[in-house]
Amino acid sequence: MSAYFILTQTITDLDAFRRDYIPKVMPILEKHGGEVLVASFDATPLEGDPAQAAVVIRFPSQEAIIAFEDDPEYQPAKRIRHDLTTNANAVMAPAFEYPSRETSR
């Protein structure tokens, strides 16, 4: 079942982020079946005080997300992301499945 990697963060140097992080992470995402569904560097806050950037990536499974996060090839890029961001929060969530009408009776 698909799973989603949801990341919010405030990017401190957008030019360096675009130049140094994005080209390194994209091939690794693809390797693990990641598909970027949302990527905004200036998301519109609706509640609370969220970080400015938001990313939603669909993976084939939660195991694929963990494999991506733990991939040795990703670690240098991840350090770059950490160096260029603050207020980062990442979560993993399975795809939503509608409850069966028969099980809800």
N, C-alpha and C. Protein backbone atom coordinates (compact mmCIF):
# COMPACT_ATOMS: atom_id res chain seq x y z
N MET A 1 0.83 -1.17 0.00
CA MET A 1 0.00 0.00 0.00
C MET A 1 0.89 1.25 0.00
N SER A 2 0.50 2.25 -0.76
CA SER A 2 1.25 3.50 -0.83
C SER A 2 1.36 4.13 0.55
N ALA A 3 2.44 4.90 0.72
CA ALA A 3 2.66 5.66 1.95
C ALA A 3 3.21 7.02 1.54
N TYR A 4 3.05 7.97 2.44
CA TYR A 4 3.42 9.35 2.15
C TYR A 4 4.45 9.86 3.13
N PHE A 5 5.43 10.55 2.59
CA PHE A 5 6.47 11.24 3.36
C PHE A 5 6.11 12.71 3.28
N ILE A 6 5.83 13.32 4.43
CA ILE A 6 5.39 14.71 4.47
C ILE A 6 6.42 15.49 5.26
N LEU A 7 6.99 16.50 4.63
CA LEU A 7 8.08 17.27 5.21
C LEU A 7 7.73 18.75 5.14
N THR A 8 7.86 19.43 6.27
CA THR A 8 7.78 20.89 6.29
C THR A 8 9.10 21.40 6.85
N GLN A 9 9.53 22.53 6.33
CA GLN A 9 10.81 23.09 6.76
C GLN A 9 10.91 24.54 6.31
N THR A 10 11.73 25.30 6.99
CA THR A 10 12.03 26.65 6.56
C THR A 10 13.42 26.61 5.93
N ILE A 11 13.49 27.01 4.69
CA ILE A 11 14.76 26.98 3.95
C ILE A 11 15.48 28.30 4.17
N THR A 12 16.73 28.22 4.64
CA THR A 12 17.48 29.43 4.96
C THR A 12 18.25 30.00 3.78
N ASP A 13 18.54 29.18 2.78
CA ASP A 13 19.24 29.64 1.57
C ASP A 13 18.64 28.90 0.38
N LEU A 14 17.64 29.51 -0.23
CA LEU A 14 16.89 28.84 -1.30
C LEU A 14 17.76 28.57 -2.52
N ASP A 15 18.64 29.49 -2.88
CA ASP A 15 19.51 29.26 -4.04
C ASP A 15 20.41 28.05 -3.82
N ALA A 16 21.02 27.94 -2.66
CA ALA A 16 21.88 26.79 -2.35
C ALA A 16 21.05 25.51 -2.28
N PHE A 17 19.84 25.59 -1.73
CA PHE A 17 18.97 24.42 -1.65
C PHE A 17 18.66 23.91 -3.04
N ARG A 18 18.28 24.79 -3.94
CA ARG A 18 17.98 24.39 -5.32
C ARG A 18 19.21 23.84 -6.03
N ARG A 19 20.34 24.45 -5.79
CA ARG A 19 21.58 24.07 -6.48
C ARG A 19 22.23 22.82 -5.89
N ASP A 20 22.25 22.72 -4.55
CA ASP A 20 23.05 21.68 -3.90
C ASP A 20 22.25 20.47 -3.42
N TYR A 21 20.97 20.67 -3.11
CA TYR A 21 20.19 19.55 -2.56
C TYR A 21 19.31 18.86 -3.60
N ILE A 22 18.50 19.61 -4.30
CA ILE A 22 17.50 19.01 -5.19
C ILE A 22 18.13 18.08 -6.23
N PRO A 23 19.18 18.49 -6.93
CA PRO A 23 19.76 17.56 -7.94
C PRO A 23 20.31 16.26 -7.33
N LYS A 24 20.72 16.31 -6.07
CA LYS A 24 21.26 15.12 -5.41
C LYS A 24 20.15 14.18 -4.94
N VAL A 25 19.03 14.74 -4.47
CA VAL A 25 17.99 13.91 -3.89
C VAL A 25 17.09 13.25 -4.93
N MET A 26 16.87 13.88 -6.06
CA MET A 26 15.90 13.36 -7.04
C MET A 26 16.23 11.94 -7.52
N PRO A 27 17.46 11.63 -7.90
CA PRO A 27 17.75 10.25 -8.32
C PRO A 27 17.55 9.22 -7.20
N ILE A 28 17.79 9.63 -5.96
CA ILE A 28 17.63 8.71 -4.84
C ILE A 28 16.14 8.48 -4.57
N LEU A 29 15.35 9.53 -4.69
CA LEU A 29 13.89 9.37 -4.57
C LEU A 29 13.38 8.38 -5.61
N GLU A 30 13.79 8.59 -6.84
CA GLU A 30 13.36 7.71 -7.94
C GLU A 30 13.78 6.27 -7.69
N LYS A 31 14.98 6.08 -7.18
CA LYS A 31 15.49 4.74 -6.87
C LYS A 31 14.56 3.99 -5.91
N HIS A 32 13.93 4.72 -5.00
CA HIS A 32 13.06 4.11 -4.00
C HIS A 32 11.57 4.24 -4.35
N GLY A 33 11.30 4.65 -5.57
CA GLY A 33 9.91 4.74 -6.03
C GLY A 33 9.18 5.97 -5.55
N GLY A 34 9.91 6.98 -5.08
CA GLY A 34 9.29 8.21 -4.60
C GLY A 34 8.79 9.08 -5.74
N GLU A 35 7.60 9.62 -5.57
CA GLU A 35 7.00 10.52 -6.55
C GLU A 35 6.59 11.80 -5.82
N VAL A 36 7.19 12.92 -6.19
CA VAL A 36 6.87 14.19 -5.55
C VAL A 36 5.49 14.64 -6.02
N LEU A 37 4.57 14.79 -5.07
CA LEU A 37 3.21 15.22 -5.38
C LEU A 37 3.02 16.71 -5.11
N VAL A 38 3.70 17.22 -4.09
CA VAL A 38 3.61 18.62 -3.70
C VAL A 38 5.00 19.08 -3.34
N ALA A 39 5.38 20.25 -3.84
CA ALA A 39 6.65 20.86 -3.44
C ALA A 39 6.48 22.37 -3.56
N SER A 40 6.44 23.03 -2.41
CA SER A 40 6.26 24.48 -2.39
C SER A 40 7.31 25.08 -1.46
N PHE A 41 7.98 26.09 -1.96
CA PHE A 41 8.97 26.78 -1.12
C PHE A 41 8.33 27.90 -0.30
N ASP A 42 7.09 28.21 -0.60
CA ASP A 42 6.39 29.29 0.08
C ASP A 42 4.93 28.92 0.25
N ALA A 43 4.67 27.88 1.04
CA ALA A 43 3.30 27.40 1.25
C ALA A 43 2.50 28.43 2.06
N THR A 44 1.21 28.44 1.86
CA THR A 44 0.33 29.37 2.54
C THR A 44 -0.15 28.76 3.86
N PRO A 45 0.23 29.36 4.99
CA PRO A 45 -0.23 28.82 6.27
C PRO A 45 -1.72 29.04 6.45
N LEU A 46 -2.41 28.02 6.94
CA LEU A 46 -3.83 28.13 7.22
C LEU A 46 -4.12 28.05 8.72
N GLU A 47 -3.28 27.35 9.46
CA GLU A 47 -3.43 27.24 10.91
C GLU A 47 -2.05 27.18 11.55
N GLY A 48 -1.94 27.72 12.72
CA GLY A 48 -0.69 27.64 13.47
C GLY A 48 0.42 28.46 12.84
N ASP A 49 1.65 28.04 13.10
CA ASP A 49 2.84 28.73 12.61
C ASP A 49 3.75 27.72 11.93
N PRO A 50 3.31 27.17 10.79
CA PRO A 50 4.10 26.13 10.13
C PRO A 50 5.33 26.69 9.42
N ALA A 51 6.23 25.80 9.08
CA ALA A 51 7.40 26.16 8.28
C ALA A 51 6.94 26.62 6.90
N GLN A 52 7.81 27.31 6.18
CA GLN A 52 7.44 27.89 4.89
C GLN A 52 7.35 26.88 3.76
N ALA A 53 8.19 25.88 3.76
CA ALA A 53 8.23 24.93 2.65
C ALA A 53 7.49 23.65 3.03
N ALA A 54 6.82 23.06 2.04
CA ALA A 54 6.09 21.82 2.27
C ALA A 54 6.31 20.88 1.10
N VAL A 55 6.54 19.60 1.42
CA VAL A 55 6.76 18.58 0.40
C VAL A 55 5.95 17.35 0.79
N VAL A 56 5.27 16.78 -0.19
CA VAL A 56 4.56 15.51 -0.01
C VAL A 56 5.05 14.56 -1.09
N ILE A 57 5.58 13.42 -0.68
CA ILE A 57 6.13 12.44 -1.61
C ILE A 57 5.42 11.11 -1.39
N ARG A 58 4.90 10.54 -2.47
CA ARG A 58 4.28 9.22 -2.38
C ARG A 58 5.33 8.16 -2.68
N PHE A 59 5.35 7.14 -1.84
CA PHE A 59 6.23 5.98 -2.02
C PHE A 59 5.36 4.74 -2.14
N PRO A 60 5.91 3.65 -2.67
CA PRO A 60 5.14 2.41 -2.79
C PRO A 60 4.72 1.81 -1.45
N SER A 61 5.48 2.13 -0.38
CA SER A 61 5.20 1.53 0.93
C SER A 61 5.95 2.32 2.00
N GLN A 62 5.60 2.05 3.26
CA GLN A 62 6.35 2.65 4.36
C GLN A 62 7.78 2.12 4.38
N GLU A 63 7.95 0.86 4.01
CA GLU A 63 9.30 0.29 3.96
C GLU A 63 10.18 1.04 2.95
N ALA A 64 9.58 1.49 1.86
CA ALA A 64 10.34 2.25 0.85
C ALA A 64 10.77 3.60 1.41
N ILE A 65 9.93 4.21 2.24
CA ILE A 65 10.30 5.48 2.87
C ILE A 65 11.49 5.27 3.80
N ILE A 66 11.41 4.25 4.61
CA ILE A 66 12.51 3.96 5.55
C ILE A 66 13.79 3.63 4.79
N ALA A 67 13.67 2.88 3.71
CA ALA A 67 14.86 2.55 2.89
C ALA A 67 15.45 3.83 2.29
N PHE A 68 14.61 4.75 1.85
CA PHE A 68 15.09 6.04 1.33
C PHE A 68 15.81 6.81 2.43
N GLU A 69 15.16 6.95 3.57
CA GLU A 69 15.75 7.71 4.68
C GLU A 69 17.09 7.12 5.14
N ASP A 70 17.21 5.79 5.11
CA ASP A 70 18.41 5.11 5.59
C ASP A 70 19.45 4.87 4.50
N ASP A 71 19.13 5.17 3.25
CA ASP A 71 20.03 4.90 2.13
C ASP A 71 21.35 5.65 2.33
N PRO A 72 22.48 4.93 2.32
CA PRO A 72 23.78 5.60 2.48
C PRO A 72 24.03 6.68 1.42
N GLU A 73 23.48 6.50 0.22
CA GLU A 73 23.64 7.53 -0.82
C GLU A 73 22.92 8.82 -0.45
N TYR A 74 21.87 8.72 0.34
CA TYR A 74 21.09 9.90 0.70
C TYR A 74 21.74 10.70 1.83
N GLN A 75 22.54 10.10 2.65
CA GLN A 75 23.06 10.76 3.84
C GLN A 75 23.80 12.07 3.55
N PRO A 76 24.68 12.16 2.54
CA PRO A 76 25.31 13.46 2.25
C PRO A 76 24.29 14.53 1.84
N ALA A 77 23.30 14.15 1.05
CA ALA A 77 22.26 15.11 0.65
C ALA A 77 21.43 15.52 1.87
N LYS A 78 21.13 14.58 2.72
CA LYS A 78 20.35 14.87 3.93
C LYS A 78 21.09 15.88 4.82
N ARG A 79 22.41 15.73 4.92
CA ARG A 79 23.20 16.69 5.70
C ARG A 79 23.11 18.09 5.08
N ILE A 80 23.14 18.14 3.74
CA ILE A 80 22.98 19.43 3.06
C ILE A 80 21.62 20.03 3.41
N ARG A 81 20.57 19.22 3.35
CA ARG A 81 19.23 19.72 3.68
C ARG A 81 19.19 20.22 5.11
N HIS A 82 19.75 19.48 6.03
CA HIS A 82 19.76 19.91 7.43
C HIS A 82 20.52 21.22 7.60
N ASP A 83 21.62 21.37 6.87
CA ASP A 83 22.41 22.60 6.97
C ASP A 83 21.70 23.82 6.39
N LEU A 84 20.78 23.59 5.45
CA LEU A 84 20.12 24.70 4.75
C LEU A 84 18.68 24.95 5.22
N THR A 85 18.27 24.27 6.30
CA THR A 85 16.90 24.43 6.78
C THR A 85 16.84 24.54 8.30
N THR A 86 15.72 25.07 8.76
CA THR A 86 15.39 25.09 10.19
C THR A 86 13.94 24.63 10.31
N ASN A 87 13.52 24.41 11.52
CA ASN A 87 12.11 24.11 11.79
C ASN A 87 11.59 22.96 10.92
N ALA A 88 12.40 21.94 10.73
CA ALA A 88 12.01 20.80 9.88
C ALA A 88 11.21 19.78 10.69
N ASN A 89 10.15 19.30 10.07
CA ASN A 89 9.32 18.24 10.65
C ASN A 89 8.98 17.27 9.54
N ALA A 90 9.18 15.98 9.79
CA ALA A 90 8.87 14.96 8.79
C ALA A 90 8.02 13.88 9.43
N VAL A 91 7.01 13.44 8.69
CA VAL A 91 6.17 12.34 9.14
C VAL A 91 5.96 11.37 7.99
N MET A 92 5.61 10.14 8.36
CA MET A 92 5.29 9.09 7.40
C MET A 92 3.87 8.63 7.73
N ALA A 93 3.06 8.48 6.68
CA ALA A 93 1.68 8.04 6.91
C ALA A 93 1.25 7.12 5.77
N PRO A 94 0.49 6.06 6.11
CA PRO A 94 -0.02 5.18 5.05
C PRO A 94 -1.13 5.88 4.28
N ALA A 95 -1.37 5.40 3.08
CA ALA A 95 -2.47 5.92 2.27
C ALA A 95 -3.78 5.68 3.00
N PHE A 96 -4.71 6.56 2.81
CA PHE A 96 -6.03 6.44 3.44
C PHE A 96 -6.83 5.37 2.73
N GLU A 97 -7.45 4.52 3.51
CA GLU A 97 -8.36 3.52 2.96
C GLU A 97 -9.74 3.78 3.52
N TYR A 98 -10.71 3.91 2.63
CA TYR A 98 -12.08 4.10 3.08
C TYR A 98 -12.53 2.87 3.86
N PRO A 99 -13.18 3.09 5.01
CA PRO A 99 -13.69 1.95 5.76
C PRO A 99 -14.74 1.19 4.94
N SER A 100 -14.70 -0.08 5.06
CA SER A 100 -15.68 -0.91 4.38
C SER A 100 -17.04 -0.71 5.02
N ARG A 101 -18.08 -0.62 4.20
CA ARG A 101 -19.42 -0.45 4.75
C ARG A 101 -19.85 -1.66 5.56
N GLU A 102 -19.36 -2.82 5.17
CA GLU A 102 -19.76 -4.03 5.89
C GLU A 102 -19.11 -4.10 7.26
N THR A 103 -17.87 -3.60 7.41
CA THR A 103 -17.21 -3.65 8.73
C THR A 103 -17.72 -2.57 9.65
N SER A 104 -18.38 -1.54 9.12
CA SER A 104 -18.87 -0.47 9.97
C SER A 104 -20.27 -0.75 10.52
N ARG A 105 -20.87 -1.84 10.14
CA ARG A 105 -22.23 -2.18 10.63
C ARG A 105 -22.18 -2.90 11.94
